[in-house]
N, C-alpha and C. Protein backbone atom coordinates (compact mmCIF):
# COMPACT_ATOMS: atom_id res chain seq x y z
N MET A 1 16.29 22.88 -12.73
CA MET A 1 15.00 22.52 -13.34
C MET A 1 14.51 21.19 -12.75
N THR A 2 13.24 21.15 -12.39
CA THR A 2 12.67 19.95 -11.80
C THR A 2 12.54 18.85 -12.85
N ILE A 3 12.91 17.64 -12.48
CA ILE A 3 12.79 16.50 -13.39
C ILE A 3 11.32 16.12 -13.50
N PRO A 4 10.76 16.03 -14.71
CA PRO A 4 9.35 15.68 -14.85
C PRO A 4 9.05 14.27 -14.34
N ILE A 5 7.88 14.10 -13.78
CA ILE A 5 7.43 12.79 -13.32
C ILE A 5 6.91 11.99 -14.51
N ARG A 6 7.38 10.74 -14.62
CA ARG A 6 6.93 9.86 -15.71
C ARG A 6 6.18 8.63 -15.20
N ALA A 7 6.33 8.35 -13.90
CA ALA A 7 5.69 7.16 -13.34
C ALA A 7 5.02 7.49 -12.02
N VAL A 8 3.88 6.84 -11.77
CA VAL A 8 3.18 6.97 -10.49
C VAL A 8 3.07 5.58 -9.87
N ILE A 9 3.53 5.48 -8.63
CA ILE A 9 3.52 4.21 -7.90
C ILE A 9 2.53 4.34 -6.74
N TRP A 10 1.55 3.47 -6.75
CA TRP A 10 0.45 3.53 -5.79
C TRP A 10 0.64 2.57 -4.63
N ASP A 11 0.38 3.05 -3.41
CA ASP A 11 0.13 2.15 -2.29
C ASP A 11 -1.30 1.62 -2.46
N LEU A 12 -1.64 0.59 -1.71
CA LEU A 12 -2.97 -0.02 -1.87
C LEU A 12 -3.93 0.38 -0.76
N ASP A 13 -3.68 -0.12 0.44
CA ASP A 13 -4.61 0.11 1.55
C ASP A 13 -4.58 1.55 2.01
N GLY A 14 -5.75 2.18 2.04
CA GLY A 14 -5.85 3.56 2.45
C GLY A 14 -5.66 4.54 1.32
N VAL A 15 -5.30 4.03 0.14
CA VAL A 15 -5.13 4.88 -1.04
C VAL A 15 -6.11 4.48 -2.13
N ILE A 16 -6.06 3.22 -2.56
CA ILE A 16 -7.00 2.73 -3.57
C ILE A 16 -8.23 2.12 -2.91
N ILE A 17 -8.03 1.38 -1.83
CA ILE A 17 -9.16 0.82 -1.08
C ILE A 17 -8.94 1.07 0.41
N ASP A 18 -10.03 0.98 1.16
CA ASP A 18 -9.94 0.99 2.62
C ASP A 18 -10.43 -0.36 3.10
N SER A 19 -9.51 -1.25 3.38
CA SER A 19 -9.91 -2.58 3.85
C SER A 19 -9.42 -2.84 5.27
N ALA A 20 -9.23 -1.75 6.02
CA ALA A 20 -8.77 -1.91 7.41
C ALA A 20 -9.73 -2.79 8.20
N GLU A 21 -11.02 -2.59 8.02
CA GLU A 21 -12.00 -3.39 8.77
C GLU A 21 -11.86 -4.87 8.44
N GLU A 22 -11.68 -5.19 7.15
CA GLU A 22 -11.53 -6.59 6.74
C GLU A 22 -10.24 -7.20 7.31
N HIS A 23 -9.17 -6.40 7.31
CA HIS A 23 -7.92 -6.88 7.91
C HIS A 23 -8.10 -7.15 9.41
N ASN A 24 -8.73 -6.22 10.10
CA ASN A 24 -8.91 -6.35 11.54
C ASN A 24 -9.72 -7.60 11.88
N ILE A 25 -10.84 -7.78 11.18
CA ILE A 25 -11.68 -8.96 11.40
C ILE A 25 -10.89 -10.23 11.14
N SER A 26 -10.08 -10.23 10.08
CA SER A 26 -9.30 -11.42 9.71
C SER A 26 -8.26 -11.77 10.77
N TRP A 27 -7.59 -10.74 11.31
CA TRP A 27 -6.63 -10.99 12.39
C TRP A 27 -7.33 -11.56 13.62
N HIS A 28 -8.49 -10.99 13.96
CA HIS A 28 -9.24 -11.48 15.13
C HIS A 28 -9.66 -12.94 14.93
N ARG A 29 -10.12 -13.27 13.73
CA ARG A 29 -10.56 -14.65 13.47
C ARG A 29 -9.39 -15.63 13.56
N MET A 30 -8.26 -15.24 12.97
CA MET A 30 -7.09 -16.11 13.03
C MET A 30 -6.61 -16.29 14.47
N ALA A 31 -6.56 -15.18 15.23
CA ALA A 31 -6.10 -15.24 16.62
C ALA A 31 -7.02 -16.14 17.45
N GLN A 32 -8.32 -16.03 17.20
CA GLN A 32 -9.27 -16.88 17.92
C GLN A 32 -9.02 -18.36 17.59
N ASP A 33 -8.80 -18.64 16.31
CA ASP A 33 -8.50 -20.02 15.89
C ASP A 33 -7.25 -20.55 16.60
N GLU A 34 -6.25 -19.67 16.73
CA GLU A 34 -4.95 -20.07 17.29
C GLU A 34 -4.93 -20.03 18.81
N GLY A 35 -5.96 -19.44 19.41
CA GLY A 35 -6.00 -19.34 20.87
C GLY A 35 -5.02 -18.33 21.44
N VAL A 36 -4.76 -17.25 20.68
CA VAL A 36 -3.85 -16.21 21.16
C VAL A 36 -4.62 -14.89 21.28
N PRO A 37 -4.20 -13.99 22.19
CA PRO A 37 -4.92 -12.73 22.38
C PRO A 37 -4.66 -11.76 21.23
N PHE A 38 -5.66 -10.94 20.91
CA PHE A 38 -5.49 -9.91 19.89
C PHE A 38 -6.49 -8.80 20.15
N THR A 39 -6.02 -7.55 20.11
CA THR A 39 -6.89 -6.41 20.39
C THR A 39 -6.90 -5.43 19.21
N ASP A 40 -7.92 -4.57 19.19
CA ASP A 40 -7.96 -3.53 18.17
C ASP A 40 -6.74 -2.61 18.27
N GLU A 41 -6.29 -2.36 19.49
CA GLU A 41 -5.12 -1.50 19.69
C GLU A 41 -3.89 -2.11 19.03
N GLN A 42 -3.73 -3.42 19.16
CA GLN A 42 -2.61 -4.10 18.51
C GLN A 42 -2.74 -4.03 17.00
N PHE A 43 -3.96 -4.12 16.51
CA PHE A 43 -4.17 -4.04 15.07
C PHE A 43 -3.69 -2.70 14.53
N TYR A 44 -4.17 -1.61 15.13
CA TYR A 44 -3.83 -0.29 14.61
C TYR A 44 -2.35 0.04 14.80
N ALA A 45 -1.73 -0.52 15.83
CA ALA A 45 -0.30 -0.28 16.06
C ALA A 45 0.58 -0.97 15.03
N THR A 46 0.08 -2.02 14.41
CA THR A 46 0.90 -2.80 13.47
C THR A 46 0.40 -2.74 12.04
N PHE A 47 -0.71 -2.05 11.78
CA PHE A 47 -1.30 -2.04 10.44
C PHE A 47 -0.32 -1.45 9.44
N GLY A 48 -0.12 -2.16 8.32
CA GLY A 48 0.81 -1.73 7.29
C GLY A 48 2.15 -2.44 7.35
N MET A 49 2.43 -3.11 8.48
CA MET A 49 3.65 -3.91 8.59
C MET A 49 3.45 -5.27 7.92
N ARG A 50 4.54 -5.93 7.60
CA ARG A 50 4.45 -7.27 7.01
C ARG A 50 4.06 -8.29 8.08
N ASN A 51 3.36 -9.32 7.65
CA ASN A 51 2.93 -10.36 8.59
C ASN A 51 4.09 -11.00 9.34
N ASP A 52 5.20 -11.20 8.63
CA ASP A 52 6.33 -11.88 9.28
C ASP A 52 7.01 -11.00 10.32
N ALA A 53 6.64 -9.72 10.36
CA ALA A 53 7.09 -8.83 11.44
C ALA A 53 6.05 -8.74 12.55
N ILE A 54 4.77 -8.70 12.16
CA ILE A 54 3.69 -8.54 13.14
C ILE A 54 3.59 -9.74 14.08
N ILE A 55 3.61 -10.95 13.52
CA ILE A 55 3.31 -12.15 14.31
C ILE A 55 4.32 -12.37 15.44
N PRO A 56 5.63 -12.35 15.19
CA PRO A 56 6.56 -12.51 16.32
C PRO A 56 6.55 -11.32 17.28
N LEU A 57 6.23 -10.13 16.76
CA LEU A 57 6.16 -8.95 17.62
C LEU A 57 5.05 -9.11 18.66
N LEU A 58 3.90 -9.63 18.22
CA LEU A 58 2.75 -9.76 19.11
C LEU A 58 2.79 -11.02 19.96
N TRP A 59 3.31 -12.11 19.41
CA TRP A 59 3.16 -13.40 20.09
C TRP A 59 4.49 -14.12 20.35
N GLY A 60 5.58 -13.42 20.16
CA GLY A 60 6.88 -13.98 20.51
C GLY A 60 7.51 -14.77 19.37
N GLU A 61 8.76 -15.10 19.56
CA GLU A 61 9.51 -15.83 18.54
C GLU A 61 8.91 -17.22 18.33
N MET A 62 8.88 -17.63 17.09
CA MET A 62 8.38 -18.97 16.73
C MET A 62 9.02 -19.37 15.42
N SER A 63 8.81 -20.59 14.99
CA SER A 63 9.43 -21.06 13.76
C SER A 63 8.87 -20.32 12.55
N ARG A 64 9.67 -20.26 11.51
CA ARG A 64 9.23 -19.63 10.27
C ARG A 64 7.97 -20.30 9.73
N GLU A 65 7.90 -21.63 9.89
CA GLU A 65 6.74 -22.39 9.40
C GLU A 65 5.48 -22.01 10.17
N HIS A 66 5.62 -21.82 11.47
CA HIS A 66 4.47 -21.44 12.30
C HIS A 66 3.99 -20.04 11.93
N ILE A 67 4.93 -19.13 11.75
CA ILE A 67 4.58 -17.77 11.32
C ILE A 67 3.84 -17.81 9.99
N GLN A 68 4.35 -18.59 9.04
CA GLN A 68 3.74 -18.67 7.72
C GLN A 68 2.34 -19.26 7.79
N ARG A 69 2.17 -20.27 8.63
CA ARG A 69 0.85 -20.90 8.76
C ARG A 69 -0.18 -19.91 9.32
N MET A 70 0.21 -19.15 10.33
CA MET A 70 -0.69 -18.15 10.90
C MET A 70 -1.00 -17.06 9.88
N ALA A 71 0.03 -16.61 9.17
CA ALA A 71 -0.16 -15.56 8.16
C ALA A 71 -1.07 -16.04 7.04
N ASP A 72 -0.86 -17.26 6.58
CA ASP A 72 -1.68 -17.80 5.49
C ASP A 72 -3.14 -17.87 5.89
N LYS A 73 -3.39 -18.29 7.12
CA LYS A 73 -4.78 -18.40 7.60
C LYS A 73 -5.44 -17.02 7.65
N LYS A 74 -4.70 -16.05 8.20
CA LYS A 74 -5.25 -14.69 8.25
C LYS A 74 -5.59 -14.18 6.86
N GLU A 75 -4.69 -14.42 5.90
CA GLU A 75 -4.91 -13.89 4.54
C GLU A 75 -6.05 -14.61 3.82
N LEU A 76 -6.27 -15.88 4.11
CA LEU A 76 -7.43 -16.57 3.54
C LEU A 76 -8.72 -15.90 3.99
N TYR A 77 -8.80 -15.59 5.27
CA TYR A 77 -9.97 -14.88 5.79
C TYR A 77 -10.11 -13.51 5.12
N TYR A 78 -8.98 -12.81 4.96
CA TYR A 78 -9.01 -11.47 4.37
C TYR A 78 -9.50 -11.52 2.92
N ARG A 79 -8.96 -12.45 2.13
CA ARG A 79 -9.34 -12.49 0.71
C ARG A 79 -10.82 -12.84 0.54
N ALA A 80 -11.33 -13.69 1.40
CA ALA A 80 -12.76 -14.02 1.34
C ALA A 80 -13.60 -12.77 1.62
N ALA A 81 -13.17 -11.98 2.60
CA ALA A 81 -13.91 -10.76 2.95
C ALA A 81 -13.83 -9.72 1.85
N ILE A 82 -12.64 -9.56 1.27
CA ILE A 82 -12.45 -8.49 0.29
C ILE A 82 -13.16 -8.80 -1.03
N ARG A 83 -13.30 -10.07 -1.37
CA ARG A 83 -14.05 -10.42 -2.58
C ARG A 83 -15.50 -9.95 -2.47
N GLU A 84 -16.02 -9.94 -1.26
CA GLU A 84 -17.40 -9.52 -1.05
C GLU A 84 -17.55 -8.01 -0.97
N LYS A 85 -16.52 -7.32 -0.43
CA LYS A 85 -16.73 -5.93 -0.01
C LYS A 85 -15.82 -4.90 -0.67
N ALA A 86 -14.90 -5.30 -1.53
CA ALA A 86 -13.92 -4.33 -2.06
C ALA A 86 -14.61 -3.19 -2.81
N ARG A 87 -14.32 -1.97 -2.40
CA ARG A 87 -14.81 -0.77 -3.06
C ARG A 87 -13.65 0.21 -3.16
N ALA A 88 -13.51 0.84 -4.31
CA ALA A 88 -12.44 1.83 -4.47
C ALA A 88 -12.78 3.08 -3.66
N LEU A 89 -11.75 3.68 -3.08
CA LEU A 89 -11.93 4.94 -2.37
C LEU A 89 -12.23 6.07 -3.36
N PRO A 90 -12.94 7.11 -2.92
CA PRO A 90 -13.32 8.21 -3.82
C PRO A 90 -12.11 8.81 -4.54
N GLY A 91 -12.23 8.91 -5.85
CA GLY A 91 -11.20 9.55 -6.66
C GLY A 91 -10.11 8.63 -7.17
N ALA A 92 -10.01 7.40 -6.62
CA ALA A 92 -8.89 6.53 -6.99
C ALA A 92 -8.98 6.06 -8.44
N LEU A 93 -10.10 5.47 -8.81
CA LEU A 93 -10.22 4.95 -10.18
C LEU A 93 -10.19 6.08 -11.20
N GLU A 94 -10.75 7.22 -10.83
CA GLU A 94 -10.75 8.37 -11.74
C GLU A 94 -9.33 8.86 -12.01
N LEU A 95 -8.50 8.91 -10.95
CA LEU A 95 -7.12 9.36 -11.13
C LEU A 95 -6.29 8.32 -11.87
N LEU A 96 -6.49 7.04 -11.56
CA LEU A 96 -5.81 5.98 -12.31
C LEU A 96 -6.09 6.11 -13.80
N SER A 97 -7.35 6.34 -14.14
CA SER A 97 -7.76 6.46 -15.54
C SER A 97 -7.15 7.71 -16.19
N ALA A 98 -7.21 8.83 -15.49
CA ALA A 98 -6.67 10.08 -16.04
C ALA A 98 -5.17 10.00 -16.27
N LEU A 99 -4.46 9.34 -15.34
CA LEU A 99 -3.01 9.20 -15.48
C LEU A 99 -2.66 8.29 -16.65
N LYS A 100 -3.43 7.23 -16.82
CA LYS A 100 -3.18 6.34 -17.97
C LYS A 100 -3.39 7.10 -19.27
N GLU A 101 -4.47 7.86 -19.32
CA GLU A 101 -4.79 8.62 -20.54
C GLU A 101 -3.70 9.65 -20.83
N ALA A 102 -3.09 10.19 -19.77
CA ALA A 102 -2.04 11.20 -19.94
C ALA A 102 -0.67 10.59 -20.23
N GLY A 103 -0.59 9.25 -20.24
CA GLY A 103 0.65 8.59 -20.64
C GLY A 103 1.62 8.23 -19.53
N TYR A 104 1.18 8.32 -18.28
CA TYR A 104 2.06 7.94 -17.17
C TYR A 104 2.11 6.43 -17.02
N ALA A 105 3.31 5.91 -16.73
CA ALA A 105 3.43 4.50 -16.33
C ALA A 105 2.94 4.40 -14.89
N GLN A 106 2.26 3.29 -14.56
CA GLN A 106 1.73 3.15 -13.20
C GLN A 106 1.97 1.74 -12.67
N ALA A 107 2.28 1.69 -11.37
CA ALA A 107 2.47 0.41 -10.68
C ALA A 107 1.81 0.49 -9.32
N LEU A 108 1.54 -0.67 -8.76
CA LEU A 108 1.06 -0.77 -7.39
C LEU A 108 2.16 -1.42 -6.57
N ALA A 109 2.50 -0.82 -5.42
CA ALA A 109 3.55 -1.36 -4.55
C ALA A 109 3.04 -1.34 -3.12
N SER A 110 2.80 -2.51 -2.58
CA SER A 110 2.15 -2.63 -1.27
C SER A 110 2.88 -3.64 -0.40
N SER A 111 2.76 -3.46 0.92
CA SER A 111 3.29 -4.44 1.87
C SER A 111 2.50 -5.74 1.83
N ALA A 112 1.32 -5.71 1.21
CA ALA A 112 0.42 -6.86 1.22
C ALA A 112 1.00 -8.05 0.44
N PRO A 113 0.59 -9.27 0.79
CA PRO A 113 0.96 -10.44 -0.01
C PRO A 113 0.44 -10.31 -1.43
N ILE A 114 1.16 -10.88 -2.39
CA ILE A 114 0.79 -10.74 -3.80
C ILE A 114 -0.60 -11.30 -4.09
N LYS A 115 -1.00 -12.37 -3.40
CA LYS A 115 -2.34 -12.92 -3.64
C LYS A 115 -3.43 -11.91 -3.27
N ASN A 116 -3.21 -11.15 -2.19
CA ASN A 116 -4.17 -10.12 -1.81
C ASN A 116 -4.23 -9.02 -2.87
N ILE A 117 -3.05 -8.60 -3.32
CA ILE A 117 -2.98 -7.55 -4.34
C ILE A 117 -3.71 -8.00 -5.60
N GLU A 118 -3.50 -9.25 -5.99
CA GLU A 118 -4.14 -9.76 -7.20
C GLU A 118 -5.65 -9.85 -7.06
N VAL A 119 -6.14 -10.21 -5.86
CA VAL A 119 -7.59 -10.27 -5.64
C VAL A 119 -8.20 -8.87 -5.76
N VAL A 120 -7.60 -7.89 -5.10
CA VAL A 120 -8.11 -6.52 -5.17
C VAL A 120 -8.05 -6.01 -6.61
N SER A 121 -6.94 -6.29 -7.29
CA SER A 121 -6.78 -5.88 -8.68
C SER A 121 -7.87 -6.47 -9.57
N GLU A 122 -8.16 -7.74 -9.34
CA GLU A 122 -9.19 -8.42 -10.12
C GLU A 122 -10.57 -7.82 -9.85
N VAL A 123 -10.90 -7.64 -8.57
CA VAL A 123 -12.24 -7.15 -8.20
C VAL A 123 -12.47 -5.73 -8.71
N LEU A 124 -11.43 -4.89 -8.65
CA LEU A 124 -11.58 -3.48 -9.05
C LEU A 124 -11.15 -3.21 -10.49
N GLY A 125 -10.61 -4.21 -11.18
CA GLY A 125 -10.18 -4.01 -12.57
C GLY A 125 -8.94 -3.13 -12.70
N LEU A 126 -8.01 -3.25 -11.77
CA LEU A 126 -6.85 -2.35 -11.75
C LEU A 126 -5.86 -2.61 -12.86
N LYS A 127 -5.83 -3.83 -13.41
CA LYS A 127 -4.84 -4.14 -14.44
C LYS A 127 -5.07 -3.34 -15.72
N THR A 128 -6.24 -2.75 -15.84
CA THR A 128 -6.50 -1.83 -16.95
C THR A 128 -5.53 -0.66 -16.91
N PHE A 129 -5.11 -0.26 -15.70
CA PHE A 129 -4.31 0.94 -15.53
C PHE A 129 -2.85 0.67 -15.16
N LEU A 130 -2.57 -0.49 -14.56
CA LEU A 130 -1.27 -0.74 -13.96
C LEU A 130 -0.42 -1.69 -14.79
N THR A 131 0.87 -1.38 -14.89
CA THR A 131 1.82 -2.24 -15.61
C THR A 131 2.44 -3.27 -14.68
N ALA A 132 2.58 -2.93 -13.39
CA ALA A 132 3.27 -3.82 -12.45
C ALA A 132 2.54 -3.85 -11.11
N LEU A 133 2.51 -5.04 -10.51
CA LEU A 133 2.01 -5.24 -9.15
C LEU A 133 3.16 -5.79 -8.32
N VAL A 134 3.57 -5.07 -7.28
CA VAL A 134 4.74 -5.48 -6.49
C VAL A 134 4.34 -5.65 -5.03
N SER A 135 4.67 -6.80 -4.47
CA SER A 135 4.39 -7.09 -3.07
C SER A 135 5.63 -6.90 -2.21
N GLY A 136 5.42 -6.37 -1.01
CA GLY A 136 6.52 -6.22 -0.07
C GLY A 136 7.14 -7.54 0.34
N GLU A 137 6.40 -8.64 0.13
CA GLU A 137 6.94 -9.96 0.45
C GLU A 137 8.10 -10.35 -0.47
N THR A 138 8.24 -9.66 -1.60
CA THR A 138 9.25 -10.05 -2.59
C THR A 138 10.54 -9.25 -2.46
N VAL A 139 10.63 -8.38 -1.46
CA VAL A 139 11.84 -7.56 -1.28
C VAL A 139 12.41 -7.78 0.12
N PRO A 140 13.71 -7.48 0.31
CA PRO A 140 14.35 -7.79 1.59
C PRO A 140 13.77 -7.03 2.79
N HIS A 141 13.42 -5.76 2.58
CA HIS A 141 13.01 -4.92 3.71
C HIS A 141 11.68 -4.23 3.43
N GLY A 142 10.81 -4.19 4.44
CA GLY A 142 9.54 -3.48 4.32
C GLY A 142 9.72 -1.99 4.56
N LYS A 143 8.64 -1.23 4.32
CA LYS A 143 8.65 0.21 4.61
C LYS A 143 8.93 0.39 6.11
N PRO A 144 9.72 1.41 6.49
CA PRO A 144 10.10 2.61 5.73
C PRO A 144 11.32 2.46 4.82
N ALA A 145 11.87 1.27 4.67
CA ALA A 145 12.89 1.06 3.63
C ALA A 145 12.22 1.21 2.26
N PRO A 146 12.94 1.67 1.26
CA PRO A 146 12.33 1.98 -0.04
C PRO A 146 12.21 0.80 -0.99
N ASP A 147 12.57 -0.41 -0.53
CA ASP A 147 12.74 -1.56 -1.44
C ASP A 147 11.56 -1.78 -2.38
N VAL A 148 10.33 -1.77 -1.84
CA VAL A 148 9.17 -2.12 -2.66
C VAL A 148 8.93 -1.06 -3.74
N PHE A 149 9.18 0.21 -3.43
CA PHE A 149 9.01 1.27 -4.42
C PHE A 149 10.12 1.23 -5.47
N LEU A 150 11.33 0.94 -5.03
CA LEU A 150 12.44 0.83 -5.99
C LEU A 150 12.22 -0.32 -6.96
N LYS A 151 11.68 -1.43 -6.45
CA LYS A 151 11.40 -2.56 -7.34
C LYS A 151 10.31 -2.20 -8.34
N ALA A 152 9.30 -1.46 -7.90
CA ALA A 152 8.23 -1.04 -8.81
C ALA A 152 8.78 -0.14 -9.91
N ALA A 153 9.62 0.82 -9.54
CA ALA A 153 10.22 1.71 -10.55
C ALA A 153 11.07 0.91 -11.52
N GLN A 154 11.80 -0.06 -11.00
CA GLN A 154 12.64 -0.92 -11.85
C GLN A 154 11.77 -1.69 -12.84
N GLU A 155 10.65 -2.24 -12.37
CA GLU A 155 9.77 -3.00 -13.27
C GLU A 155 9.14 -2.10 -14.33
N LEU A 156 8.93 -0.83 -13.99
CA LEU A 156 8.40 0.11 -14.97
C LEU A 156 9.49 0.62 -15.91
N GLY A 157 10.76 0.43 -15.53
CA GLY A 157 11.87 0.91 -16.34
C GLY A 157 12.05 2.41 -16.27
N ILE A 158 11.68 2.99 -15.12
CA ILE A 158 11.75 4.45 -14.96
C ILE A 158 12.55 4.77 -13.69
N ALA A 159 13.39 5.79 -13.76
CA ALA A 159 14.27 6.14 -12.65
C ALA A 159 13.46 6.60 -11.43
N PRO A 160 13.95 6.33 -10.22
CA PRO A 160 13.27 6.83 -9.02
C PRO A 160 13.04 8.34 -9.04
N SER A 161 14.00 9.08 -9.58
CA SER A 161 13.88 10.54 -9.61
C SER A 161 12.74 11.01 -10.51
N GLU A 162 12.25 10.11 -11.37
CA GLU A 162 11.13 10.44 -12.26
C GLU A 162 9.83 9.79 -11.79
N SER A 163 9.84 9.29 -10.54
CA SER A 163 8.69 8.55 -10.02
C SER A 163 8.04 9.28 -8.85
N LEU A 164 6.73 9.16 -8.78
CA LEU A 164 5.93 9.74 -7.70
C LEU A 164 5.19 8.63 -6.99
N VAL A 165 5.22 8.64 -5.67
CA VAL A 165 4.50 7.66 -4.86
C VAL A 165 3.25 8.32 -4.27
N ILE A 166 2.13 7.59 -4.27
CA ILE A 166 0.91 8.05 -3.58
C ILE A 166 0.72 7.16 -2.37
N GLU A 167 0.72 7.75 -1.19
CA GLU A 167 0.72 7.02 0.08
C GLU A 167 -0.27 7.63 1.07
N ASP A 168 -0.55 6.90 2.14
CA ASP A 168 -1.38 7.45 3.23
C ASP A 168 -0.74 7.22 4.59
N ALA A 169 0.46 6.64 4.62
CA ALA A 169 1.10 6.28 5.89
C ALA A 169 2.46 6.95 6.00
N VAL A 170 2.84 7.29 7.24
CA VAL A 170 4.13 7.94 7.48
C VAL A 170 5.28 7.07 6.98
N HIS A 171 5.23 5.77 7.27
CA HIS A 171 6.29 4.87 6.80
C HIS A 171 6.38 4.87 5.28
N GLY A 172 5.25 5.03 4.61
CA GLY A 172 5.25 5.08 3.15
C GLY A 172 5.90 6.33 2.61
N VAL A 173 5.59 7.47 3.23
CA VAL A 173 6.23 8.74 2.83
C VAL A 173 7.74 8.63 3.04
N GLU A 174 8.14 8.08 4.19
CA GLU A 174 9.57 7.92 4.48
C GLU A 174 10.23 6.99 3.46
N ALA A 175 9.53 5.93 3.07
CA ALA A 175 10.08 4.98 2.10
C ALA A 175 10.26 5.64 0.74
N ALA A 176 9.27 6.44 0.32
CA ALA A 176 9.38 7.14 -0.96
C ALA A 176 10.60 8.05 -0.97
N HIS A 177 10.75 8.84 0.08
CA HIS A 177 11.88 9.78 0.14
C HIS A 177 13.21 9.05 0.25
N ALA A 178 13.23 7.92 0.98
CA ALA A 178 14.47 7.13 1.08
C ALA A 178 14.89 6.59 -0.28
N GLY A 179 13.91 6.38 -1.17
CA GLY A 179 14.20 5.89 -2.51
C GLY A 179 14.45 6.98 -3.53
N GLY A 180 14.45 8.24 -3.07
CA GLY A 180 14.70 9.35 -3.99
C GLY A 180 13.51 9.72 -4.84
N MET A 181 12.31 9.41 -4.35
CA MET A 181 11.07 9.69 -5.09
C MET A 181 10.29 10.80 -4.41
N ARG A 182 9.46 11.47 -5.19
CA ARG A 182 8.52 12.43 -4.62
C ARG A 182 7.28 11.69 -4.13
N CYS A 183 6.49 12.38 -3.30
CA CYS A 183 5.36 11.69 -2.68
C CYS A 183 4.16 12.62 -2.52
N VAL A 184 2.99 12.07 -2.78
CA VAL A 184 1.72 12.69 -2.42
C VAL A 184 1.15 11.90 -1.25
N ALA A 185 0.78 12.58 -0.17
CA ALA A 185 0.18 11.91 0.98
C ALA A 185 -1.31 12.22 1.04
N VAL A 186 -2.11 11.17 1.12
CA VAL A 186 -3.56 11.32 1.31
C VAL A 186 -3.79 11.28 2.81
N THR A 187 -4.26 12.39 3.39
CA THR A 187 -4.26 12.53 4.85
C THR A 187 -5.61 12.26 5.51
N TYR A 188 -6.71 12.36 4.75
CA TYR A 188 -8.06 12.24 5.34
C TYR A 188 -8.21 13.18 6.54
N GLY A 189 -7.61 14.37 6.41
CA GLY A 189 -7.76 15.39 7.45
C GLY A 189 -6.77 15.29 8.59
N LYS A 190 -5.92 14.26 8.61
CA LYS A 190 -4.94 14.12 9.70
C LYS A 190 -3.78 15.10 9.48
N GLN A 191 -3.34 15.74 10.55
CA GLN A 191 -2.22 16.68 10.48
C GLN A 191 -0.94 16.05 11.02
N THR A 192 -0.71 14.80 10.67
CA THR A 192 0.46 14.07 11.16
C THR A 192 1.73 14.65 10.53
N PRO A 193 2.72 15.07 11.34
CA PRO A 193 3.94 15.67 10.78
C PRO A 193 4.60 14.80 9.70
N GLY A 194 4.64 13.50 9.91
CA GLY A 194 5.28 12.62 8.94
C GLY A 194 4.59 12.61 7.59
N LEU A 195 3.27 12.81 7.60
CA LEU A 195 2.54 12.90 6.33
C LEU A 195 2.77 14.25 5.68
N LEU A 196 2.85 15.29 6.49
CA LEU A 196 3.04 16.64 5.96
C LEU A 196 4.42 16.83 5.35
N ALA A 197 5.32 15.85 5.55
CA ALA A 197 6.64 15.90 4.92
C ALA A 197 6.57 15.61 3.42
N ALA A 198 5.43 15.10 2.94
CA ALA A 198 5.27 14.81 1.51
C ALA A 198 5.29 16.11 0.71
N GLU A 199 5.65 16.00 -0.57
CA GLU A 199 5.69 17.18 -1.45
C GLU A 199 4.30 17.81 -1.62
N LEU A 200 3.26 16.98 -1.52
CA LEU A 200 1.89 17.47 -1.64
C LEU A 200 1.01 16.63 -0.73
N THR A 201 0.11 17.28 0.00
CA THR A 201 -0.89 16.55 0.79
C THR A 201 -2.28 16.91 0.30
N VAL A 202 -3.15 15.92 0.27
CA VAL A 202 -4.55 16.12 -0.08
C VAL A 202 -5.40 15.38 0.94
N ASN A 203 -6.60 15.88 1.18
CA ASN A 203 -7.50 15.19 2.11
C ASN A 203 -7.98 13.88 1.53
N THR A 204 -8.38 13.90 0.25
CA THR A 204 -8.78 12.69 -0.46
C THR A 204 -8.30 12.80 -1.90
N LEU A 205 -8.34 11.69 -2.61
CA LEU A 205 -7.88 11.70 -4.01
C LEU A 205 -8.81 12.48 -4.93
N THR A 206 -10.00 12.83 -4.47
CA THR A 206 -10.87 13.67 -5.30
C THR A 206 -10.24 15.04 -5.53
N GLU A 207 -9.27 15.41 -4.69
CA GLU A 207 -8.58 16.70 -4.85
C GLU A 207 -7.40 16.62 -5.82
N MET A 208 -7.05 15.40 -6.26
CA MET A 208 -5.88 15.22 -7.12
C MET A 208 -6.24 15.35 -8.59
N SER A 209 -5.25 15.72 -9.38
CA SER A 209 -5.42 15.82 -10.83
C SER A 209 -4.07 15.62 -11.50
N VAL A 210 -4.11 15.36 -12.79
CA VAL A 210 -2.88 15.25 -13.58
C VAL A 210 -2.10 16.56 -13.52
N GLU A 211 -2.82 17.68 -13.55
CA GLU A 211 -2.15 18.98 -13.53
C GLU A 211 -1.36 19.18 -12.24
N LYS A 212 -1.91 18.74 -11.12
CA LYS A 212 -1.18 18.87 -9.85
C LYS A 212 0.09 18.03 -9.86
N ILE A 213 0.02 16.86 -10.47
CA ILE A 213 1.20 16.00 -10.56
C ILE A 213 2.26 16.63 -11.46
N LYS A 214 1.82 17.24 -12.54
CA LYS A 214 2.77 17.94 -13.42
C LYS A 214 3.48 19.08 -12.69
N GLY A 215 2.80 19.64 -11.69
CA GLY A 215 3.36 20.76 -10.93
C GLY A 215 4.38 20.36 -9.88
N LEU A 216 4.54 19.05 -9.68
CA LEU A 216 5.50 18.58 -8.68
C LEU A 216 6.90 18.43 -9.27
């Protein structure tokens, strides 16, 4: 018999909001300030990774303080942009509301810095629906390791086997499965094999419902 799902753990970027453009602009602005090269190709190749992994990967080894300074500057630019432009993706707020009404515990677990998560939460009113906000900066390993999702389940007080992750990235699907959780992948029409490994795929969250989650 399948164990019923009691908790839903949300990724942020590409699931609740699409702020890829704001992230890209912020990286470009920071790189220009620092006098280092940065391309759109590099952005898309590293999007979703933690800053402390991206910066040395692109620009070589440097001190932890230097990495932090560059990361902080990029995130200041990002938060300024997102305060102006944050919009929920279609179906996200509706599903958050329906899940709360149906009695599911909900958390947000993202690779993003906690300050970014809090800004988006504030602008979109997410704390109405969510019990926990977990940043990948607070765990030892980023996705595809399951650390951030396991911490979210722990904060909700619900077992991983009773938890469902909503993701849009292959590393996120892998992280959910590594943590013993089920996963819904939002594909936006992409037929990426790693996304299709999820228990359920939908083009957008407008296709999701509480009934579909009960069926997992």
